[in-house]
């Protein structure tokens, strides 16, 4: 029997189309690999396995990589408060390197050198997968039928239907990716810049505003920058993220549409739902403000933006990412405490933060009220010194006007 082709399988239209197409055109068995980086419960896992077999795959492999995804990627997105374009928390693209790694491992176990993905030529994921795969194992043969022999999504649906294969629920209408950090949704509306997707296309938050829930209060604790407890219950990071998502999604928290630069250099637009990311990034940022110095925060903002770009572009395996991660980890030594939040429809509101490392508590001064480590005379002198550059500039400007 010829060596199998190992296909990264999400269960969506593109990867569903790839199974019979690869088997038919290359005459080799196809083994699907689904890497669970979040959003796959037992029912979904069984459905994916059944769909893979129904589409003609020789075997199906499910890998639970949620904990690895958190430790190697999400941990640092939280430490860095990473949001692309100040909006998008890298819901899905950040996990591609983990998925690529597991696909490469599966190929090695099966003794094959051929792997495949269902990415298009117009998107970011082709770059992410292939950069990671080539870095992990430069000798792999990468097959990309959707990119290299493109067919419109409607034709893919027709191809499957004509052969009696199952078609994903959303068919050709929407491309949906789900992970531990959220969901991305692409459709005809995101091909333009004018309108939002319809209510029926949202996945996690659908109907959240039809009968808005009353406000509710929640507390998240962090230890060294990592979320450690939810409403007083200590939890491992993956379970905590899943709990936060469940609590926040019913309020419609974390919806957004991101418009920005793609890896290919053009503008792109995607709808996303990131309830847990919205809550945890908002909470972590506010806790840091209490604990870190202004210079620490400014430096973190700079390197976090670079880190976010690298992860977005599929360059997470570049050694510079380890350097940035070391700085982020060092910055979080004291970032421990609690954040108290109010959930309202579409919004997480931080009511307060507390920490044993509070820089606010380190001073005897109270902003706008009383001096602490300085006197009124110190404040007067400080104001005069701070004003000096402006005074000198104004003095010379006046001298220039007189002459």
Protein backbone atom coordinates (compact mmCIF):
# COMPACT_ATOMS: atom_id res chain seq x y z
CA UNK A 1 0.00 0.00 0.00
CA UNK A 2 1.39 3.47 -0.86
CA UNK A 3 2.37 5.85 1.90
CA UNK A 4 -0.61 7.86 3.19
CA UNK A 5 -1.15 11.59 2.85
CA UNK A 6 -1.58 13.22 6.25
CA UNK A 7 -4.23 15.94 6.03
CA UNK A 8 -4.77 18.68 8.62
CA UNK A 9 -8.53 18.29 9.05
CA UNK A 10 -10.90 20.86 10.57
CA UNK A 11 -14.11 19.36 9.25
CA UNK A 12 -14.96 22.50 7.30
CA UNK A 13 -15.76 22.63 3.61
CA UNK A 14 -12.20 23.02 2.30
CA UNK A 15 -10.69 20.13 4.26
CA UNK A 16 -13.77 17.95 3.68
CA UNK A 17 -13.35 18.54 -0.06
CA UNK A 18 -9.66 17.60 0.17
CA UNK A 19 -10.20 14.02 1.39
CA UNK A 20 -11.92 12.53 -1.68
CA UNK A 21 -10.03 14.84 -4.06
CA UNK A 22 -6.61 13.74 -2.79
CA UNK A 23 -7.58 10.06 -2.78
CA UNK A 24 -9.02 10.35 -6.28
CA UNK A 25 -6.25 12.39 -7.93
CA UNK A 26 -3.17 10.97 -6.18
CA UNK A 27 -4.37 7.42 -5.64
CA UNK A 28 -3.09 7.29 -2.06
CA UNK A 29 -4.88 6.76 1.26
CA UNK A 30 -5.63 9.88 3.29
CA UNK A 31 -5.22 10.01 7.07
CA UNK A 32 -6.88 13.01 8.70
CA UNK A 33 -5.43 14.70 11.77
CA UNK A 34 -7.58 17.04 13.84
CA UNK A 35 -5.61 18.98 16.44
CA UNK A 36 -7.85 20.10 19.26
CA UNK A 37 -6.69 23.57 20.26
CA UNK A 38 -10.10 24.27 21.78
CA UNK A 39 -13.78 24.12 20.95
CA UNK A 40 -14.05 20.36 20.36
CA UNK A 41 -16.18 18.52 22.89
CA UNK A 42 -16.82 14.75 22.89
CA UNK A 43 -19.79 15.08 20.55
CA UNK A 44 -17.86 17.26 18.09
CA UNK A 45 -14.89 14.88 18.22
CA UNK A 46 -17.10 11.91 17.32
CA UNK A 47 -18.78 13.91 14.57
CA UNK A 48 -15.39 14.80 13.05
CA UNK A 49 -14.28 11.17 13.11
CA UNK A 50 -17.52 10.02 11.48
CA UNK A 51 -17.30 12.74 8.83
CA UNK A 52 -13.70 11.85 8.04
CA UNK A 53 -14.59 8.19 7.52
CA UNK A 54 -17.70 9.09 5.50
CA UNK A 55 -15.53 11.21 3.21
CA UNK A 56 -13.26 8.24 2.53
CA UNK A 57 -10.33 8.74 4.91
CA UNK A 58 -8.34 5.60 5.73
CA UNK A 59 -7.96 6.71 9.36
CA UNK A 60 -8.59 9.66 11.63
CA UNK A 61 -6.39 10.96 14.47
CA UNK A 62 -7.50 13.41 17.17
CA UNK A 63 -4.80 15.14 19.21
CA UNK A 64 -5.67 17.12 22.35
CA UNK A 65 -3.18 20.00 22.22
CA UNK A 66 -5.08 22.53 24.33
CA UNK A 67 -2.65 22.54 27.26
CA UNK A 68 0.36 22.73 24.94
CA UNK A 69 -1.30 25.58 23.03
CA UNK A 70 -1.79 27.50 26.24
CA UNK A 71 1.72 26.94 27.58
CA UNK A 72 3.52 27.74 24.34
CA UNK A 73 1.34 30.48 22.84
CA UNK A 74 -1.70 31.75 24.74
CA UNK A 75 0.24 32.29 27.96
CA UNK A 76 2.36 34.90 26.19
CA UNK A 77 -0.55 36.51 24.36
CA UNK A 78 -2.05 37.15 27.81
CA UNK A 79 1.23 38.34 29.35
CA UNK A 80 1.63 40.72 26.42
CA UNK A 81 -2.03 41.85 26.25
CA UNK A 82 -1.76 41.10 22.52
CA UNK A 83 -4.46 42.47 20.23
CA UNK A 84 -3.83 43.04 16.55
CA UNK A 85 -4.91 46.49 15.46
CA UNK A 86 -5.83 47.16 19.12
CA UNK A 87 -8.93 45.01 18.49
CA UNK A 88 -8.35 41.42 17.43
CA UNK A 89 -6.92 38.99 20.04
CA UNK A 90 -5.48 36.52 17.49
CA UNK A 91 -8.35 34.09 18.06
CA UNK A 92 -7.35 31.39 15.60
CA UNK A 93 -4.18 32.08 13.61
CA UNK A 94 -2.06 31.79 16.76
CA UNK A 95 -2.73 28.06 17.01
CA UNK A 96 -1.53 27.08 13.54
CA UNK A 97 2.04 26.37 14.59
CA UNK A 98 0.80 23.88 17.21
CA UNK A 99 -1.44 22.21 14.64
CA UNK A 100 1.37 22.04 12.10
CA UNK A 101 3.64 20.46 14.68
CA UNK A 102 1.13 17.69 15.43
CA UNK A 103 0.55 17.03 11.74
CA UNK A 104 4.33 16.68 11.23
CA UNK A 105 4.54 14.31 14.20
CA UNK A 106 1.71 12.18 12.80
CA UNK A 107 3.46 11.96 9.44
CA UNK A 108 6.66 10.79 11.15
CA UNK A 109 4.78 8.12 13.11
CA UNK A 110 3.09 6.87 9.93
CA UNK A 111 6.36 6.83 8.00
CA UNK A 112 5.22 9.23 5.30
CA UNK A 113 6.77 12.43 3.96
CA UNK A 114 3.58 13.92 2.50
CA UNK A 115 1.29 16.29 4.39
CA UNK A 116 -1.63 18.35 3.13
CA UNK A 117 -3.74 21.31 4.18
CA UNK A 118 -6.93 22.92 2.87
CA UNK A 119 -5.84 26.56 2.86
CA UNK A 120 -6.59 28.89 -0.04
CA UNK A 121 -4.14 31.06 -1.97
CA UNK A 122 -5.86 34.20 -0.73
CA UNK A 123 -5.53 33.72 3.03
CA UNK A 124 -3.03 33.85 5.87
CA UNK A 125 -3.23 30.21 6.97
CA UNK A 126 -1.33 28.83 3.96
CA UNK A 127 1.68 30.88 5.06
CA UNK A 128 1.35 29.96 8.73
CA UNK A 129 1.10 26.23 8.06
CA UNK A 130 3.88 26.09 5.51
CA UNK A 131 6.34 28.27 7.41
CA UNK A 132 5.83 26.06 10.47
CA UNK A 133 5.97 22.78 8.54
CA UNK A 134 9.13 23.76 6.62
CA UNK A 135 10.80 24.90 9.84
CA UNK A 136 9.86 21.71 11.67
CA UNK A 137 10.88 19.37 8.82
CA UNK A 138 12.30 20.92 5.62
CA UNK A 139 12.03 17.58 3.81
CA UNK A 140 8.24 17.31 3.95
CA UNK A 141 6.25 17.36 0.73
CA UNK A 142 3.35 19.79 1.22
CA UNK A 143 0.20 19.34 -0.88
CA UNK A 144 -2.34 22.17 -1.00
CA UNK A 145 -5.12 21.25 -3.47
CA UNK A 146 -7.49 24.10 -2.57
CA UNK A 147 -4.74 26.63 -3.17
CA UNK A 148 -2.97 25.06 -6.13
CA UNK A 149 -6.07 23.89 -8.04
CA UNK A 150 -8.67 26.33 -6.73
CA UNK A 151 -12.41 25.80 -7.08
CA UNK A 152 -15.15 28.16 -5.85
CA UNK A 153 -16.79 27.01 -2.62
CA UNK A 154 -20.04 26.34 -4.47
CA UNK A 155 -18.18 23.93 -6.76
CA UNK A 156 -16.69 22.16 -3.75
CA UNK A 157 -20.20 21.66 -2.37
CA UNK A 158 -21.38 20.32 -5.73
CA UNK A 159 -18.36 17.97 -5.94
CA UNK A 160 -19.21 16.44 -2.56
CA UNK A 161 -22.94 16.23 -3.25
CA UNK A 162 -22.45 14.56 -6.64
CA UNK A 163 -20.44 11.79 -4.97
CA UNK A 164 -22.78 11.40 -2.03
CA UNK A 165 -20.36 12.82 0.53
CA UNK A 166 -21.53 14.87 3.54
CA UNK A 167 -21.38 18.67 3.30
CA UNK A 168 -20.61 20.80 6.40
CA UNK A 169 -23.60 22.57 7.93
CA UNK A 170 -22.64 26.07 6.77
CA UNK A 171 -21.84 24.80 3.28
CA UNK A 172 -20.39 27.51 1.12
CA UNK A 173 -21.87 30.44 3.03
CA UNK A 174 -19.38 30.95 5.90
CA UNK A 175 -15.88 29.82 6.79
CA UNK A 176 -15.70 29.18 10.53
CA UNK A 177 -12.64 28.43 12.66
CA UNK A 178 -12.92 27.72 16.37
CA UNK A 179 -10.27 27.41 19.06
CA UNK A 180 -9.62 27.92 22.76
CA UNK A 181 -9.13 31.67 22.27
CA UNK A 182 -12.27 32.25 20.17
CA UNK A 183 -13.93 31.91 16.78
CA UNK A 184 -13.38 33.60 13.44
CA UNK A 185 -16.13 33.88 10.82
CA UNK A 186 -15.69 34.84 7.20
CA UNK A 187 -18.50 35.32 4.68
CA UNK A 188 -19.72 37.56 1.89
CA UNK A 189 -20.07 40.49 4.31
CA UNK A 190 -16.40 40.35 5.29
CA UNK A 191 -15.32 40.54 1.66
CA UNK A 192 -16.41 44.18 1.84
CA UNK A 193 -15.92 46.78 4.59
CA UNK A 194 -19.48 48.04 4.99
CA UNK A 195 -21.70 45.58 6.85
CA UNK A 196 -21.58 43.12 9.73
CA UNK A 197 -22.42 39.44 9.42
CA UNK A 198 -26.05 38.49 10.20
CA UNK A 199 -27.09 37.38 13.68
CA UNK A 200 -27.54 33.81 12.44
CA UNK A 201 -23.84 33.58 11.50
CA UNK A 202 -22.48 34.20 15.01
CA UNK A 203 -21.42 30.98 16.70
CA UNK A 204 -20.78 31.59 20.41
CA UNK A 205 -22.90 34.68 21.01
CA UNK A 206 -25.88 34.13 18.73
CA UNK A 207 -29.06 35.57 20.26
CA UNK A 208 -27.23 37.14 23.22
CA UNK A 209 -29.00 40.48 22.70
CA UNK A 210 -32.48 39.12 22.00
CA UNK A 211 -33.31 38.90 25.73
CA UNK A 212 -30.41 40.63 27.51
CA UNK A 213 -29.34 39.13 30.83
CA UNK A 214 -29.11 41.24 34.00
CA UNK A 215 -25.59 42.28 35.05
CA UNK A 216 -23.46 39.78 36.96
CA UNK A 217 -20.22 40.11 38.95
CA UNK A 218 -17.16 37.92 38.55
CA UNK A 219 -13.59 37.75 39.85
CA UNK A 220 -10.50 36.41 38.11
CA UNK A 221 -7.20 35.87 39.91
CA UNK A 222 -3.75 35.91 38.34
CA UNK A 223 -0.46 34.45 39.54
CA UNK A 224 2.67 35.78 37.84
CA UNK A 225 0.45 37.03 35.02
CA UNK A 226 -1.29 33.70 34.39
CA UNK A 227 -5.03 33.34 35.16
CA UNK A 228 -5.29 30.95 38.10
CA UNK A 229 -8.79 31.18 39.62
CA UNK A 230 -12.31 32.05 38.51
CA UNK A 231 -14.85 33.29 41.06
CA UNK A 232 -12.69 31.94 43.86
CA UNK A 233 -12.15 28.47 42.37
CA UNK A 234 -8.58 27.51 41.46
CA UNK A 235 -8.48 26.10 37.93
CA UNK A 236 -5.92 24.97 35.37
CA UNK A 237 -5.61 27.53 32.54
CA UNK A 238 -7.48 25.55 29.87
CA UNK A 239 -10.48 24.84 32.09
CA UNK A 240 -10.47 28.43 33.34
CA UNK A 241 -10.57 29.81 29.80
CA UNK A 242 -13.45 27.48 28.93
CA UNK A 243 -15.36 28.58 32.04
CA UNK A 244 -14.84 32.26 31.27
CA UNK A 245 -16.00 31.74 27.69
CA UNK A 246 -19.19 30.07 28.86
CA UNK A 247 -19.94 32.87 31.35
CA UNK A 248 -19.17 35.73 28.94
CA UNK A 249 -20.58 34.51 25.65
CA UNK A 250 -24.20 34.65 26.86
CA UNK A 251 -23.70 38.42 27.31
CA UNK A 252 -22.42 38.82 23.75
CA UNK A 253 -19.02 39.86 25.14
CA UNK A 254 -16.09 39.64 22.74
CA UNK A 255 -17.81 40.19 19.41
CA UNK A 256 -15.88 42.17 16.88
CA UNK A 257 -14.87 42.65 13.26
CA UNK A 258 -11.18 43.13 12.56
CA UNK A 259 -9.96 45.09 9.56
CA UNK A 260 -6.24 45.13 8.96
CA UNK A 261 -3.12 43.99 7.14
CA UNK A 262 -2.84 40.38 6.02
CA UNK A 263 0.44 38.49 5.70
CA UNK A 264 0.03 38.82 1.93
CA UNK A 265 0.12 42.62 2.16
CA UNK A 266 -3.51 43.41 1.35
CA UNK A 267 -6.32 44.51 3.63
CA UNK A 268 -8.45 41.76 5.12
CA UNK A 269 -11.57 41.64 7.26
CA UNK A 270 -12.90 38.93 9.57
CA UNK A 271 -15.62 38.69 12.19
CA UNK A 272 -14.62 37.15 15.50
CA UNK A 273 -16.02 36.10 18.85
CA UNK A 274 -13.54 36.01 21.74
CA UNK A 275 -15.44 36.11 25.05
CA UNK A 276 -12.66 34.62 27.18
CA UNK A 277 -9.92 36.62 25.48
CA UNK A 278 -11.86 39.86 25.93
CA UNK A 279 -12.37 39.21 29.65
CA UNK A 280 -8.88 37.96 30.46
CA UNK A 281 -6.95 40.51 28.40
CA UNK A 282 -9.00 43.35 29.85
CA UNK A 283 -8.52 42.06 33.39
CA UNK A 284 -4.80 41.36 33.00
CA UNK A 285 -4.11 44.79 31.52
CA UNK A 286 -5.80 46.54 34.44
CA UNK A 287 -3.96 44.45 37.03
CA UNK A 288 -0.64 45.30 35.37
CA UNK A 289 -1.40 49.00 35.64
CA UNK A 290 -1.48 48.63 39.41
CA UNK A 291 1.77 46.66 39.68
CA UNK A 292 4.21 47.52 36.89
CA UNK A 293 6.14 50.75 36.48
CA UNK A 294 5.31 53.03 33.58
CA UNK A 295 8.55 52.12 31.83
CA UNK A 296 7.84 48.41 32.16
CA UNK A 297 4.42 48.91 30.60
CA UNK A 298 5.82 50.97 27.74
CA UNK A 299 8.54 48.43 26.96
CA UNK A 300 6.03 45.58 27.12
CA UNK A 301 3.73 47.37 24.69
CA UNK A 302 6.58 47.66 22.21
CA UNK A 303 7.78 44.05 22.30
CA UNK A 304 4.23 42.66 22.60
CA UNK A 305 3.28 44.33 19.33
CA UNK A 306 6.27 42.68 17.63
CA UNK A 307 5.40 39.33 19.20
CA UNK A 308 1.81 39.61 18.02
CA UNK A 309 2.99 40.32 14.46
CA UNK A 310 5.31 37.31 14.50
CA UNK A 311 2.63 34.95 15.82
CA UNK A 312 0.10 36.30 13.32
CA UNK A 313 2.55 35.73 10.47
CA UNK A 314 3.30 32.13 11.44
CA UNK A 315 6.80 32.94 12.70
CA UNK A 316 6.30 31.64 16.24
CA UNK A 317 9.21 29.18 15.83
CA UNK A 318 11.67 32.01 15.14
CA UNK A 319 14.14 32.20 18.08
CA UNK A 320 13.40 35.88 18.59
CA UNK A 321 10.02 34.81 19.98
CA UNK A 322 11.83 32.95 22.79
CA UNK A 323 13.70 36.17 23.59
CA UNK A 324 10.49 38.17 23.76
CA UNK A 325 8.81 35.47 25.85
CA UNK A 326 11.69 35.67 28.33
CA UNK A 327 11.16 39.41 28.73
CA UNK A 328 7.40 39.01 29.11
CA UNK A 329 7.86 36.28 31.72
CA UNK A 330 10.34 38.41 33.67
CA UNK A 331 7.92 41.36 33.66
CA UNK A 332 5.21 39.25 35.31
CA UNK A 333 7.09 38.26 38.47
CA UNK A 334 4.80 40.44 40.63
CA UNK A 335 1.65 40.44 38.49
CA UNK A 336 -0.50 38.55 41.00
CA UNK A 337 -3.83 39.66 42.38
CA UNK A 338 -7.55 39.80 41.70
CA UNK A 339 -9.68 41.69 39.20
CA UNK A 340 -13.35 42.34 39.95
CA UNK A 341 -15.60 42.70 36.90
CA UNK A 342 -19.19 43.43 35.97
CA UNK A 343 -20.65 41.66 32.94
CA UNK A 344 -23.29 43.58 31.00
CA UNK A 345 -24.68 42.91 27.51
CA UNK A 346 -21.76 43.35 25.15
CA UNK A 347 -19.36 44.67 27.80
CA UNK A 348 -16.96 43.64 30.55
CA UNK A 349 -16.45 46.49 33.03
CA UNK A 350 -13.55 46.37 35.50
CA UNK A 351 -14.85 47.55 38.87
CA UNK A 352 -11.57 47.21 40.73
CA UNK A 353 -8.24 45.46 41.19
CA UNK A 354 -6.20 44.38 44.20
CA UNK A 355 -2.70 43.00 44.67
CA UNK A 356 -0.11 42.54 47.43
CA UNK A 357 2.33 44.19 44.99
CA UNK A 358 0.27 47.34 44.41
CA UNK A 359 2.44 50.38 43.63
CA UNK A 360 -0.53 52.50 44.65
CA UNK A 361 -0.24 51.10 48.18
CA UNK A 362 3.52 51.67 48.21
CA UNK A 363 3.16 55.44 48.50
CA UNK A 364 1.80 57.65 51.26
CA UNK A 365 0.57 60.13 48.67
CA UNK A 366 -2.98 60.19 47.31
CA UNK A 367 -3.33 61.50 43.76
CA UNK A 368 -5.11 64.84 43.71
CA UNK A 369 -5.58 64.86 47.50
CA UNK A 370 -2.46 64.72 49.70
CA UNK A 371 1.30 64.70 49.26
CA UNK A 372 3.32 61.79 50.55
CA UNK A 373 7.02 61.52 49.87
CA UNK A 374 7.20 65.18 48.77
CA UNK A 375 6.29 68.62 50.08
CA UNK A 376 4.40 71.51 48.56
CA UNK A 377 7.75 73.24 47.99
CA UNK A 378 9.05 70.11 46.18
CA UNK A 379 5.97 70.12 43.95
CA UNK A 380 6.42 73.81 43.12
CA UNK A 381 10.07 73.29 42.19
CA UNK A 382 9.27 70.17 40.19
CA UNK A 383 6.64 72.02 38.16
CA UNK A 384 9.12 74.81 37.40
CA UNK A 385 11.78 72.36 36.21
CA UNK A 386 9.33 70.40 34.04
CA UNK A 387 8.16 73.64 32.44
CA UNK A 388 11.72 74.81 31.66
CA UNK A 389 12.07 73.32 28.11
CA UNK A 390 8.83 74.97 27.06
CA UNK A 391 9.88 78.28 28.59
CA UNK A 392 13.21 78.23 26.77
CA UNK A 393 11.55 77.44 23.45
CA UNK A 394 9.01 80.22 23.94
CA UNK A 395 11.77 82.63 24.91
CA UNK A 396 13.72 82.00 21.73
CA UNK A 397 10.59 82.09 19.60
CA UNK A 398 9.84 85.49 21.03
CA UNK A 399 13.40 86.63 20.40
CA UNK A 400 13.11 85.53 16.79
CA UNK A 401 9.92 87.50 16.32
CA UNK A 402 11.51 90.68 17.78
CA UNK A 403 14.45 90.45 15.39
